[in-house]
Amino acid sequence: MKADRRMKRVYQEEALLGVRFFECEEALAQWMNGMQADVIIGDPLYQGLVRECNAQYVPIPHVGLSGVMYAGANYEFIGKAGYDFLSRFIGI
């Protein structure tokens, strides 16, 4: 409990005002489906939470969430390979 209160205080820092703190996946899903984003970049496991959202979803694994499930995934962030990877999802 103390850690939760401390984390909420951390997210109130000016540098983190745009960061959202969610207690559970349902709250995250509700927020994601209510926003009007064009593109969402997140772990592939979160893609199932975005049901009603019309945004393009770019799956980029995060070891803290999906662990080694997507360790062998082929994705790039920069250069021509990064451009090619992103264009597959957002049609650029």
C-alpha atoms as a PDB file:
ATOM      1  CA  MET A   1       0.000   0.000   0.000  1.00  0.00           C
ATOM      2  CA  LYS A   2       2.748   2.489   0.861  1.00  0.00           C
ATOM      3  CA  ALA A   3       4.426   1.863  -2.466  1.00  0.00           C
ATOM      4  CA  ASP A   4       1.157   2.597  -4.309  1.00  0.00           C
ATOM      5  CA  ARG A   5       0.785   5.960  -2.563  1.00  0.00           C
ATOM      6  CA  ARG A   6       4.408   6.817  -3.313  1.00  0.00           C
ATOM      7  CA  MET A   7       3.997   5.948  -6.988  1.00  0.00           C
ATOM      8  CA  LYS A   8       0.897   8.132  -7.258  1.00  0.00           C
ATOM      9  CA  ARG A   9       2.905  11.033  -5.799  1.00  0.00           C
ATOM     10  CA  VAL A  10       5.700  10.393  -8.298  1.00  0.00           C
ATOM     11  CA  TYR A  11       3.227  10.634 -11.183  1.00  0.00           C
ATOM     12  CA  GLN A  12       2.124  14.046  -9.921  1.00  0.00           C
ATOM     13  CA  GLU A  13       5.574  15.518 -10.610  1.00  0.00           C
ATOM     14  CA  GLU A  14       5.511  18.180 -13.314  1.00  0.00           C
ATOM     15  CA  ALA A  15       7.747  16.191 -15.651  1.00  0.00           C
ATOM     16  CA  LEU A  16       5.294  13.282 -15.549  1.00  0.00           C
ATOM     17  CA  LEU A  17       1.982  15.148 -15.804  1.00  0.00           C
ATOM     18  CA  GLY A  18       1.136  13.405 -19.086  1.00  0.00           C
ATOM     19  CA  VAL A  19       1.719   9.942 -17.626  1.00  0.00           C
ATOM     20  CA  ARG A  20      -1.396   8.041 -16.616  1.00  0.00           C
ATOM     21  CA  PHE A  21      -1.453   5.665 -13.638  1.00  0.00           C
ATOM     22  CA  PHE A  22      -3.815   2.692 -13.864  1.00  0.00           C
ATOM     23  CA  GLU A  23      -4.675   0.230 -11.126  1.00  0.00           C
ATOM     24  CA  CYS A  24      -5.807  -2.542 -13.486  1.00  0.00           C
ATOM     25  CA  GLU A  25      -6.030  -3.567 -17.144  1.00  0.00           C
ATOM     26  CA  GLU A  26      -9.760  -2.799 -17.295  1.00  0.00           C
ATOM     27  CA  ALA A  27      -9.147   0.846 -16.400  1.00  0.00           C
ATOM     28  CA  LEU A  28      -6.404   1.030 -19.017  1.00  0.00           C
ATOM     29  CA  ALA A  29      -8.666  -0.533 -21.653  1.00  0.00           C
ATOM     30  CA  GLN A  30     -11.468   1.904 -20.853  1.00  0.00           C
ATOM     31  CA  TRP A  31      -9.102   4.875 -21.156  1.00  0.00           C
ATOM     32  CA  MET A  32      -7.529   3.590 -24.384  1.00  0.00           C
ATOM     33  CA  ASN A  33     -10.914   2.994 -25.992  1.00  0.00           C
ATOM     34  CA  GLY A  34     -12.109   6.474 -24.971  1.00  0.00           C
ATOM     35  CA  MET A  35      -9.224   8.434 -26.427  1.00  0.00           C
ATOM     36  CA  GLN A  36      -8.923   9.543 -30.033  1.00  0.00           C
ATOM     37  CA  ALA A  37      -5.441   8.422 -30.985  1.00  0.00           C
ATOM     38  CA  ASP A  38      -4.289   7.812 -34.528  1.00  0.00           C
ATOM     39  CA  VAL A  39      -1.493   5.437 -33.535  1.00  0.00           C
ATOM     40  CA  ILE A  40      -0.869   3.423 -30.379  1.00  0.00           C
ATOM     41  CA  ILE A  41       2.525   1.851 -29.789  1.00  0.00           C
ATOM     42  CA  GLY A  42       2.591  -0.817 -27.115  1.00  0.00           C
ATOM     43  CA  ASP A  43       3.311  -4.349 -26.084  1.00  0.00           C
ATOM     44  CA  PRO A  44       1.486  -6.942 -28.208  1.00  0.00           C
ATOM     45  CA  LEU A  45      -0.332  -8.175 -25.087  1.00  0.00           C
ATOM     46  CA  TYR A  46      -2.082  -4.811 -24.763  1.00  0.00           C
ATOM     47  CA  GLN A  47      -3.429  -4.919 -28.309  1.00  0.00           C
ATOM     48  CA  GLY A  48      -6.383  -7.021 -27.160  1.00  0.00           C
ATOM     49  CA  LEU A  49      -7.430  -4.221 -24.796  1.00  0.00           C
ATOM     50  CA  VAL A  50      -7.992  -1.809 -27.675  1.00  0.00           C
ATOM     51  CA  ARG A  51     -11.256  -3.064 -29.086  1.00  0.00           C
ATOM     52  CA  GLU A  52     -13.333   0.019 -29.847  1.00  0.00           C
ATOM     53  CA  CYS A  53     -10.452   2.280 -30.811  1.00  0.00           C
ATOM     54  CA  ASN A  54      -9.867   3.003 -34.508  1.00  0.00           C
ATOM     55  CA  ALA A  55      -6.166   3.714 -33.991  1.00  0.00           C
ATOM     56  CA  GLN A  56      -3.444   1.784 -35.780  1.00  0.00           C
ATOM     57  CA  TYR A  57      -1.641  -0.435 -33.266  1.00  0.00           C
ATOM     58  CA  VAL A  58       2.123  -0.900 -33.544  1.00  0.00           C
ATOM     59  CA  PRO A  59       3.187  -3.901 -31.450  1.00  0.00           C
ATOM     60  CA  ILE A  60       6.583  -3.392 -29.839  1.00  0.00           C
ATOM     61  CA  PRO A  61       7.328  -5.864 -27.045  1.00  0.00           C
ATOM     62  CA  HIS A  62       8.285  -4.707 -23.560  1.00  0.00           C
ATOM     63  CA  VAL A  63      10.127  -7.325 -21.538  1.00  0.00           C
ATOM     64  CA  GLY A  64       8.497  -6.010 -18.344  1.00  0.00           C
ATOM     65  CA  LEU A  65       5.079  -7.050 -19.619  1.00  0.00           C
ATOM     66  CA  SER A  66       5.357  -9.906 -22.071  1.00  0.00           C
ATOM     67  CA  GLY A  67       8.699 -11.201 -20.843  1.00  0.00           C
ATOM     68  CA  VAL A  68      10.403 -13.446 -23.354  1.00  0.00           C
ATOM     69  CA  MET A  69       7.231 -14.242 -25.334  1.00  0.00           C
ATOM     70  CA  TYR A  70       8.284 -11.868 -28.112  1.00  0.00           C
ATOM     71  CA  ALA A  71      12.049 -11.948 -27.556  1.00  0.00           C
ATOM     72  CA  GLY A  72      12.566 -13.196 -31.106  1.00  0.00           C
ATOM     73  CA  ALA A  73      10.223 -10.643 -32.691  1.00  0.00           C
ATOM     74  CA  ASN A  74      11.659  -8.817 -35.664  1.00  0.00           C
ATOM     75  CA  TYR A  75      11.178  -5.086 -35.136  1.00  0.00           C
ATOM     76  CA  GLU A  76      13.266  -1.988 -35.728  1.00  0.00           C
ATOM     77  CA  PHE A  77      13.054   1.594 -34.476  1.00  0.00           C
ATOM     78  CA  ILE A  78      15.444   3.626 -36.604  1.00  0.00           C
ATOM     79  CA  GLY A  79      16.793   3.940 -40.114  1.00  0.00           C
ATOM     80  CA  LYS A  80      15.291   2.375 -43.204  1.00  0.00           C
ATOM     81  CA  ALA A  81      14.484  -0.836 -41.339  1.00  0.00           C
ATOM     82  CA  GLY A  82      12.610   1.207 -38.727  1.00  0.00           C
ATOM     83  CA  TYR A  83      10.720   3.104 -41.405  1.00  0.00           C
ATOM     84  CA  ASP A  84       9.788  -0.148 -43.139  1.00  0.00           C
ATOM     85  CA  PHE A  85       8.654  -1.705 -39.847  1.00  0.00           C
ATOM     86  CA  LEU A  86       6.439   1.234 -38.891  1.00  0.00           C
ATOM     87  CA  SER A  87       5.025   1.663 -42.391  1.00  0.00           C
ATOM     88  CA  ARG A  88       3.626  -1.878 -42.248  1.00  0.00           C
ATOM     89  CA  PHE A  89       1.344  -0.773 -39.409  1.00  0.00           C
ATOM     90  CA  ILE A  90       0.549   2.879 -40.088  1.00  0.00           C
ATOM     91  CA  GLY A  91       0.585   2.993 -43.870  1.00  0.00           C
ATOM     92  CA  ILE A  92       3.245   5.607 -44.490  1.00  0.00           C
END
